[in-house]
Amino acid sequence: MRKEFCNKIEELAIANQKILFLTGDLGFMALESIQKSIGNRFINTGVSEQNMVSMAASLSSQGFTVFCYSIAPFVVFRPAEQIRLDVCLHNMDVKIIGNGGGYGYGIMGSTHHAIEDIAVLSSFQNMRCYIPFCAEDVAEITEQMMNHRGPGYIRLEKGTKPDYIKIPVYNPIRKILNGDKLTIVSMGPISLNAIAAIEAISPEKNIADVFIVSEIPIIELTKQLITSIKKTDKLLIIEEHVSRGGLGENISLQLMQKSIAPKKFTHLFAVGYPDGKYGDQKFHQEKSKIDPKSIQKIIKKMINE
């Protein structure tokens, strides 16, 4: 997704002289084209994320839209106080770009993972979090974040959708597959694991309505999603994020406010490090039972209950 994001930012920044791009000493073999295109509007702030975010807030107060780019845990957790106080409290037009969300940096361990990022940032005043579900979704998501005047966060991961999946017209909640036995709601590229699980069960891929959520906090459930949940009466929520403060809690709150209670409900999420071991992203997904094979078992169980 980083490549698609960089291409879109370069396009936007060339057209808009009020866009500034800050990086915390990252982007080798990735950001050079942006730097070349926008010149002194590209600033390497060094390994100083707190200072980078405060600098961005100050520049935004002068009328600039400022992007802060780094590895997700570095640009979210280290400067969390600055994001909360300098950016969000004052509703500054600062965009936080975190690369490698979830378990994306794998074997590098918990210091490089971001499985609590949505919970932290979405709790801050005025902040909106944007989560592309595949590489092809990044440009539109970036455009949507630009249209939101105020704090924003993009969680970049990796993933390419199957050719038969058509990306719908943008909405914070979009339906990408049709089915009649189960409703699946997911966030980010983990959606691709759910699609792979469905493919393994049914070549026709018609067993579940699959919805992707691209913005947190969720302001309102769509009528299409509500209709699906009432129809199937079975809801499966999947996210590469801890159970607290993420997609599961957001959806559950909305359903409770509408007095909707599906007969069957399952929530799959990042469980952290139950045995203290680290591995690649696939390893951690398997531990959390959010890999395709584990999701396949859960779907079979739910549709047969």
Protein backbone atom coordinates (compact mmCIF):
# COMPACT_ATOMS: atom_id res chain seq x y z
CA MET A 1 0.00 0.00 0.00
CA ARG A 2 2.94 2.35 0.55
CA LYS A 3 3.60 2.66 -3.17
CA GLU A 4 -0.03 3.53 -3.94
CA PHE A 5 -0.09 6.04 -1.09
CA CYS A 6 3.11 7.72 -2.25
CA ASN A 7 1.79 8.01 -5.82
CA LYS A 8 -1.40 9.67 -4.57
CA ILE A 9 0.39 12.06 -2.23
CA GLU A 10 2.74 13.12 -4.99
CA GLU A 11 -0.28 13.87 -7.20
CA LEU A 12 -2.05 15.83 -4.45
CA ALA A 13 1.04 17.76 -3.33
CA ILE A 14 1.98 18.83 -6.85
CA ALA A 15 -1.53 20.25 -7.29
CA ASN A 16 -1.73 21.83 -3.81
CA GLN A 17 1.14 24.02 -2.62
CA LYS A 18 -0.29 24.01 0.90
CA ILE A 19 0.57 20.34 1.43
CA LEU A 20 3.70 19.59 3.47
CA PHE A 21 5.19 16.13 4.00
CA LEU A 22 7.17 15.29 7.15
CA THR A 23 8.92 11.99 7.79
CA GLY A 24 10.62 10.63 10.90
CA ASP A 25 13.79 9.63 9.04
CA LEU A 26 12.00 6.90 7.08
CA GLY A 27 11.19 6.28 3.45
CA PHE A 28 14.43 5.05 1.84
CA MET A 29 13.61 3.68 -1.63
CA ALA A 30 10.00 4.82 -1.15
CA LEU A 31 9.69 8.58 -0.66
CA GLU A 32 12.38 9.86 -3.02
CA SER A 33 9.88 10.69 -5.75
CA ILE A 34 7.79 12.80 -3.36
CA GLN A 35 10.90 14.61 -2.18
CA LYS A 36 11.96 15.34 -5.74
CA SER A 37 8.49 16.53 -6.73
CA ILE A 38 7.76 18.93 -3.87
CA GLY A 39 11.27 20.09 -2.91
CA ASN A 40 11.48 21.99 0.38
CA ARG A 41 7.90 21.02 1.29
CA PHE A 42 9.37 17.58 2.08
CA ILE A 43 11.02 17.67 5.53
CA ASN A 44 12.98 14.89 7.22
CA THR A 45 12.54 15.67 10.91
CA GLY A 46 14.87 12.90 12.05
CA VAL A 47 14.17 10.28 14.70
CA SER A 48 12.05 12.70 16.68
CA GLU A 49 8.40 11.79 16.29
CA GLN A 50 7.13 13.97 19.14
CA ASN A 51 8.83 17.00 17.65
CA MET A 52 7.57 16.06 14.16
CA VAL A 53 3.94 16.05 15.31
CA SER A 54 4.24 19.31 17.25
CA MET A 55 5.94 20.88 14.23
CA ALA A 56 3.10 19.63 12.02
CA ALA A 57 0.50 21.18 14.36
CA SER A 58 2.32 24.51 14.26
CA LEU A 59 2.54 24.47 10.47
CA SER A 60 -1.13 23.52 10.22
CA SER A 61 -2.02 26.56 12.35
CA GLN A 62 -0.55 28.62 9.50
CA GLY A 63 -2.87 27.12 6.93
CA PHE A 64 -0.95 24.04 5.75
CA THR A 65 -2.16 20.46 5.47
CA VAL A 66 0.64 18.42 6.97
CA PHE A 67 1.39 14.70 6.56
CA CYS A 68 3.47 12.90 9.21
CA TYR A 69 4.83 9.59 7.95
CA SER A 70 6.55 6.77 9.85
CA ILE A 71 6.19 3.15 10.93
CA ALA A 72 2.76 2.88 12.59
CA PRO A 73 3.86 2.33 16.22
CA PHE A 74 6.45 5.11 15.97
CA VAL A 75 4.02 7.70 14.61
CA VAL A 76 1.13 6.68 16.90
CA PHE A 77 2.37 5.63 20.33
CA ARG A 78 5.55 7.66 20.80
CA PRO A 79 3.92 11.02 19.99
CA ALA A 80 0.46 10.14 21.35
CA GLU A 81 0.48 13.10 23.76
CA GLN A 82 1.41 15.53 20.99
CA ILE A 83 -1.29 14.09 18.69
CA ARG A 84 -3.87 14.42 21.45
CA LEU A 85 -2.98 17.90 22.67
CA ASP A 86 -1.32 19.72 19.76
CA VAL A 87 -3.28 18.22 16.85
CA CYS A 88 -6.64 16.84 17.99
CA LEU A 89 -7.58 19.27 20.75
CA HIS A 90 -7.11 22.19 18.34
CA ASN A 91 -8.57 20.32 15.35
CA MET A 92 -5.46 20.84 13.23
CA ASP A 93 -5.35 19.56 9.64
CA VAL A 94 -2.59 17.05 10.33
CA LYS A 95 -2.61 13.59 8.75
CA ILE A 96 -0.81 10.76 10.57
CA ILE A 97 0.41 8.03 8.20
CA GLY A 98 1.32 4.74 9.83
CA ASN A 99 2.94 2.08 7.66
CA GLY A 100 2.77 -1.58 8.73
CA GLY A 101 -0.41 -1.65 10.81
CA GLY A 102 -1.39 -4.73 12.77
CA TYR A 103 1.32 -7.40 12.82
CA GLY A 104 2.75 -6.04 9.56
CA TYR A 105 6.34 -5.86 10.78
CA GLY A 106 6.18 -9.46 11.97
CA ILE A 107 9.38 -10.83 13.45
CA MET A 108 10.51 -7.39 14.62
CA GLY A 109 8.18 -7.94 17.54
CA SER A 110 5.80 -5.90 19.64
CA THR A 111 7.87 -2.70 19.43
CA HIS A 112 7.13 -2.64 15.69
CA HIS A 113 3.52 -3.86 15.81
CA ALA A 114 0.45 -1.63 15.89
CA ILE A 115 -2.47 -3.70 17.15
CA GLU A 116 -3.88 -0.97 19.43
CA ASP A 117 -3.49 2.04 17.12
CA ILE A 118 -7.16 2.48 16.16
CA ALA A 119 -8.24 2.25 19.81
CA VAL A 120 -5.76 4.94 20.86
CA LEU A 121 -6.27 7.43 18.04
CA SER A 122 -10.02 7.06 17.55
CA SER A 123 -10.52 8.01 21.21
CA PHE A 124 -8.97 11.44 20.58
CA GLN A 125 -11.23 14.41 19.91
CA ASN A 126 -11.78 15.19 16.19
CA MET A 127 -9.63 12.25 14.95
CA ARG A 128 -10.84 10.02 12.13
CA CYS A 129 -9.04 6.78 11.29
CA TYR A 130 -9.00 5.47 7.70
CA ILE A 131 -8.25 1.83 6.91
CA PRO A 132 -7.83 0.73 3.25
CA PHE A 133 -8.71 -2.92 2.70
CA CYS A 134 -6.35 -3.45 -0.26
CA ALA A 135 -3.73 -1.63 -2.32
CA GLU A 136 -6.31 -0.61 -4.91
CA ASP A 137 -8.31 1.15 -2.20
CA VAL A 138 -5.52 3.46 -1.01
CA ALA A 139 -5.87 6.34 -3.49
CA GLU A 140 -9.58 6.82 -2.77
CA ILE A 141 -9.07 6.52 0.99
CA THR A 142 -6.34 9.16 0.84
CA GLU A 143 -8.66 11.44 -1.12
CA GLN A 144 -11.38 10.94 1.49
CA MET A 145 -8.98 11.82 4.31
CA MET A 146 -7.96 14.98 2.46
CA ASN A 147 -11.64 15.95 2.18
CA HIS A 148 -11.93 15.71 5.97
CA ARG A 149 -10.60 19.01 7.29
CA GLY A 150 -8.99 18.03 10.57
CA PRO A 151 -6.94 15.24 12.18
CA GLY A 152 -6.74 11.99 10.25
CA TYR A 153 -4.88 8.68 10.43
CA ILE A 154 -4.27 6.16 7.67
CA ARG A 155 -3.28 2.63 8.62
CA LEU A 156 -1.26 1.21 5.72
CA GLU A 157 -0.77 -2.54 5.48
CA LYS A 158 -0.42 -4.79 2.45
CA GLY A 159 -2.79 -6.78 0.30
CA THR A 160 -4.10 -7.10 -3.25
CA LYS A 161 -7.74 -7.95 -3.88
CA PRO A 162 -8.87 -10.75 -6.21
CA ASP A 163 -9.81 -9.51 -9.69
CA TYR A 164 -13.47 -10.49 -9.28
CA ILE A 165 -13.89 -8.14 -6.30
CA LYS A 166 -15.06 -4.73 -7.49
CA ILE A 167 -14.46 -1.82 -5.15
CA PRO A 168 -17.82 -0.06 -4.62
CA VAL A 169 -18.33 3.69 -4.65
CA TYR A 170 -16.77 5.02 -1.47
CA ASN A 171 -18.65 4.77 1.79
CA PRO A 172 -17.27 4.22 5.30
CA ILE A 173 -19.06 0.85 5.18
CA ARG A 174 -19.10 -1.00 1.83
CA LYS A 175 -20.42 -4.38 0.74
CA ILE A 176 -17.99 -6.39 -1.42
CA LEU A 177 -19.56 -9.89 -1.49
CA ASN A 178 -23.13 -11.22 -1.42
CA GLY A 179 -24.41 -14.23 0.50
CA ASP A 180 -27.37 -15.40 2.54
CA LYS A 181 -26.05 -17.52 5.41
CA LEU A 182 -23.81 -15.15 7.36
CA THR A 183 -22.85 -11.47 7.70
CA ILE A 184 -19.13 -10.73 7.93
CA VAL A 185 -17.78 -7.29 8.83
CA SER A 186 -14.04 -6.71 8.65
CA MET A 187 -11.49 -3.91 8.68
CA GLY A 188 -8.38 -3.63 6.53
CA PRO A 189 -6.55 -6.35 4.56
CA ILE A 190 -7.66 -9.03 7.01
CA SER A 191 -10.79 -8.87 4.84
CA LEU A 192 -8.76 -10.71 2.20
CA ASN A 193 -8.32 -13.61 4.64
CA ALA A 194 -12.11 -13.77 5.01
CA ILE A 195 -12.52 -13.77 1.23
CA ALA A 196 -9.95 -16.58 0.90
CA ALA A 197 -11.85 -18.58 3.52
CA ILE A 198 -15.13 -18.14 1.64
CA GLU A 199 -13.48 -19.18 -1.64
CA ALA A 200 -12.27 -22.40 0.02
CA ILE A 201 -15.77 -23.24 1.26
CA SER A 202 -17.82 -22.20 -1.76
CA PRO A 203 -16.46 -21.65 -5.30
CA GLU A 204 -19.61 -19.60 -5.96
CA LYS A 205 -18.61 -17.32 -3.06
CA ASN A 206 -22.26 -16.82 -2.15
CA ILE A 207 -22.43 -17.92 1.47
CA ALA A 208 -21.85 -14.59 3.19
CA ASP A 209 -22.49 -10.89 2.88
CA VAL A 210 -19.07 -9.34 3.37
CA PHE A 211 -18.76 -5.70 4.44
CA ILE A 212 -15.57 -3.68 4.84
CA VAL A 213 -15.33 -0.80 7.29
CA SER A 214 -12.94 1.96 6.21
CA GLU A 215 -13.49 4.64 8.86
CA ILE A 216 -13.42 4.54 12.65
CA PRO A 217 -15.25 5.84 14.68
CA ILE A 218 -18.36 4.52 12.96
CA ILE A 219 -20.91 7.32 12.77
CA GLU A 220 -23.85 5.27 11.51
CA LEU A 221 -24.46 1.71 10.30
CA THR A 222 -25.74 1.53 6.74
CA LYS A 223 -29.25 0.27 6.04
CA GLN A 224 -27.67 -2.41 3.84
CA LEU A 225 -25.61 -3.77 6.74
CA ILE A 226 -28.52 -3.66 9.18
CA THR A 227 -30.73 -5.49 6.67
CA SER A 228 -28.05 -8.18 6.21
CA ILE A 229 -27.63 -8.74 9.96
CA LYS A 230 -31.40 -9.06 10.44
CA LYS A 231 -31.61 -11.42 7.45
CA THR A 232 -28.81 -13.83 8.40
CA ASP A 233 -29.08 -13.37 12.19
CA LYS A 234 -25.41 -14.36 12.32
CA LEU A 235 -22.58 -11.83 12.61
CA LEU A 236 -18.83 -12.42 12.34
CA ILE A 237 -16.48 -9.47 12.97
CA ILE A 238 -12.80 -9.78 12.04
CA GLU A 239 -9.95 -7.35 12.71
CA GLU A 240 -6.17 -7.39 13.08
CA HIS A 241 -6.50 -5.23 16.17
CA VAL A 242 -7.07 -5.93 19.85
CA SER A 243 -10.65 -6.50 20.97
CA ARG A 244 -10.87 -3.23 22.89
CA GLY A 245 -11.54 0.00 21.02
CA GLY A 246 -11.58 -1.41 17.53
CA LEU A 247 -14.15 -2.60 15.00
CA GLY A 248 -15.90 -5.08 17.30
CA GLU A 249 -16.70 -2.51 19.96
CA ASN A 250 -17.73 0.11 17.40
CA ILE A 251 -20.17 -2.25 15.67
CA SER A 252 -21.50 -3.64 18.96
CA LEU A 253 -22.27 -0.17 20.30
CA GLN A 254 -24.16 0.76 17.15
CA LEU A 255 -26.18 -2.46 17.28
CA MET A 256 -27.04 -2.02 20.95
CA GLN A 257 -28.22 1.54 20.33
CA LYS A 258 -30.58 0.17 17.68
CA SER A 259 -31.68 -2.80 19.85
CA ILE A 260 -30.36 -5.28 17.28
CA ALA A 261 -29.04 -8.57 18.65
CA PRO A 262 -28.04 -11.28 16.15
CA LYS A 263 -28.66 -14.83 17.31
CA LYS A 264 -25.03 -15.80 16.64
CA PHE A 265 -22.11 -13.43 17.16
CA THR A 266 -18.36 -14.11 16.87
CA HIS A 267 -15.52 -11.61 17.15
CA LEU A 268 -12.04 -12.53 15.87
CA PHE A 269 -9.20 -10.17 16.78
CA ALA A 270 -5.47 -9.85 17.48
CA VAL A 271 -4.76 -11.62 20.76
CA GLY A 272 -1.29 -10.17 21.28
CA TYR A 273 1.42 -12.57 22.44
CA PRO A 274 -0.16 -15.32 24.57
CA ASP A 275 2.95 -17.52 24.61
CA GLY A 276 5.54 -14.73 24.47
CA LYS A 277 6.77 -15.81 21.03
CA TYR A 278 7.23 -13.73 17.90
CA GLY A 279 7.10 -14.62 14.23
CA ASP A 280 6.04 -13.24 10.89
CA GLN A 281 2.60 -11.77 10.26
CA LYS A 282 1.23 -15.17 9.22
CA PHE A 283 2.44 -16.66 12.52
CA HIS A 284 0.63 -14.02 14.57
CA GLN A 285 -2.53 -14.29 12.49
CA GLU A 286 -2.58 -18.05 13.10
CA LYS A 287 -2.12 -17.51 16.85
CA SER A 288 -5.04 -15.09 16.78
CA LYS A 289 -7.16 -17.41 14.58
CA ILE A 290 -7.55 -14.69 11.95
CA ASP A 291 -5.70 -16.60 9.21
CA PRO A 292 -7.74 -18.00 6.28
CA LYS A 293 -7.88 -21.59 7.59
CA SER A 294 -9.04 -20.55 11.05
CA ILE A 295 -11.64 -18.17 9.61
CA GLN A 296 -12.83 -20.98 7.33
CA LYS A 297 -13.50 -23.20 10.36
CA ILE A 298 -15.40 -20.44 12.14
CA ILE A 299 -17.54 -19.69 9.06
CA LYS A 300 -18.43 -23.38 8.63
CA LYS A 301 -19.36 -23.65 12.29
CA MET A 302 -21.52 -20.52 12.23
CA ILE A 303 -23.43 -21.34 9.04
CA ASN A 304 -24.17 -24.86 10.28
CA GLU A 305 -25.42 -23.81 13.71
